[in-house]
Amino acid sequence: MEQQAALLSKARVIEITSLSATTIWRMMKKGEFPKSVRASMGRVAWHKSDIDKWLSERS
């Protein structure tokens, strides 16, 4: 059985990174932040592994 990757909501990503939503979108546009995925209609999320990797690279 295939295991689904953990997804983080926008609110959780903001909490974890201490970045504003606007900053996250700007950084994504520049390729400086992991891309979001569509979780459902009108809702985006990020793969937890991508955010963990991004955070470790900034430390």
C-alpha atoms as a PDB file:
ATOM      1  CA  MET A   1       0.000   0.000   0.000  1.00  0.00           C
ATOM      2  CA  GLU A   2       1.376   3.394  -1.027  1.00  0.00           C
ATOM      3  CA  GLN A   3       1.765   5.970   1.743  1.00  0.00           C
ATOM      4  CA  GLN A   4       0.603   9.528   1.032  1.00  0.00           C
ATOM      5  CA  ALA A   5       3.043  12.381   1.574  1.00  0.00           C
ATOM      6  CA  ALA A   6       2.185  14.659   4.494  1.00  0.00           C
ATOM      7  CA  LEU A   7       0.843  18.038   3.434  1.00  0.00           C
ATOM      8  CA  LEU A   8       1.049  21.293   5.373  1.00  0.00           C
ATOM      9  CA  SER A   9      -1.607  23.976   5.119  1.00  0.00           C
ATOM     10  CA  LYS A  10      -0.757  27.580   4.306  1.00  0.00           C
ATOM     11  CA  ALA A  11      -1.427  28.565   7.928  1.00  0.00           C
ATOM     12  CA  ARG A  12       0.933  25.856   9.199  1.00  0.00           C
ATOM     13  CA  VAL A  13       3.685  26.869   6.733  1.00  0.00           C
ATOM     14  CA  ILE A  14       3.358  30.494   7.846  1.00  0.00           C
ATOM     15  CA  GLU A  15       3.610  29.361  11.476  1.00  0.00           C
ATOM     16  CA  ILE A  16       6.643  27.119  10.873  1.00  0.00           C
ATOM     17  CA  THR A  17       8.594  29.572   8.697  1.00  0.00           C
ATOM     18  CA  SER A  18       7.541  32.860  10.341  1.00  0.00           C
ATOM     19  CA  LEU A  19       7.040  34.268   6.833  1.00  0.00           C
ATOM     20  CA  SER A  20       3.951  36.118   5.680  1.00  0.00           C
ATOM     21  CA  ALA A  21       1.774  34.685   2.926  1.00  0.00           C
ATOM     22  CA  THR A  22       2.884  37.504   0.610  1.00  0.00           C
ATOM     23  CA  THR A  23       6.575  36.762   1.256  1.00  0.00           C
ATOM     24  CA  ILE A  24       6.003  33.064   0.592  1.00  0.00           C
ATOM     25  CA  TRP A  25       4.298  33.805  -2.749  1.00  0.00           C
ATOM     26  CA  ARG A  26       7.067  36.216  -3.778  1.00  0.00           C
ATOM     27  CA  MET A  27       9.765  33.693  -2.871  1.00  0.00           C
ATOM     28  CA  MET A  28       7.931  30.923  -4.749  1.00  0.00           C
ATOM     29  CA  LYS A  29       7.755  33.131  -7.825  1.00  0.00           C
ATOM     30  CA  LYS A  30      11.544  33.677  -7.647  1.00  0.00           C
ATOM     31  CA  GLY A  31      12.193  29.957  -7.080  1.00  0.00           C
ATOM     32  CA  GLU A  32      13.449  30.586  -3.539  1.00  0.00           C
ATOM     33  CA  PHE A  33      10.707  28.625  -1.755  1.00  0.00           C
ATOM     34  CA  PRO A  34       9.149  25.195  -2.431  1.00  0.00           C
ATOM     35  CA  LYS A  35       6.207  25.168  -4.813  1.00  0.00           C
ATOM     36  CA  SER A  36       2.752  24.570  -3.414  1.00  0.00           C
ATOM     37  CA  VAL A  37       0.419  21.817  -4.584  1.00  0.00           C
ATOM     38  CA  ARG A  38      -3.334  22.023  -5.030  1.00  0.00           C
ATOM     39  CA  ALA A  39      -4.923  20.165  -2.119  1.00  0.00           C
ATOM     40  CA  SER A  40      -8.489  20.852  -3.280  1.00  0.00           C
ATOM     41  CA  MET A  41     -10.501  23.567  -4.986  1.00  0.00           C
ATOM     42  CA  GLY A  42      -9.280  26.870  -3.569  1.00  0.00           C
ATOM     43  CA  ARG A  43      -6.804  25.268  -1.166  1.00  0.00           C
ATOM     44  CA  VAL A  44      -3.055  24.913  -1.542  1.00  0.00           C
ATOM     45  CA  ALA A  45      -0.599  23.022   0.616  1.00  0.00           C
ATOM     46  CA  TRP A  46       3.077  22.117   0.700  1.00  0.00           C
ATOM     47  CA  HIS A  47       4.780  18.764   1.039  1.00  0.00           C
ATOM     48  CA  LYS A  48       6.165  18.554   4.570  1.00  0.00           C
ATOM     49  CA  SER A  49       9.403  17.063   3.237  1.00  0.00           C
ATOM     50  CA  ASP A  50       9.931  20.103   0.962  1.00  0.00           C
ATOM     51  CA  ILE A  51       9.440  22.537   3.846  1.00  0.00           C
ATOM     52  CA  ASP A  52      11.707  20.489   6.146  1.00  0.00           C
ATOM     53  CA  LYS A  53      14.419  20.481   3.472  1.00  0.00           C
ATOM     54  CA  TRP A  54      14.063  24.227   2.870  1.00  0.00           C
ATOM     55  CA  LEU A  55      14.330  24.933   6.598  1.00  0.00           C
ATOM     56  CA  SER A  56      17.430  22.735   7.005  1.00  0.00           C
ATOM     57  CA  GLU A  57      19.141  24.473   4.075  1.00  0.00           C
ATOM     58  CA  ARG A  58      18.600  27.860   5.729  1.00  0.00           C
ATOM     59  CA  SER A  59      20.080  26.816   9.078  1.00  0.00           C
END
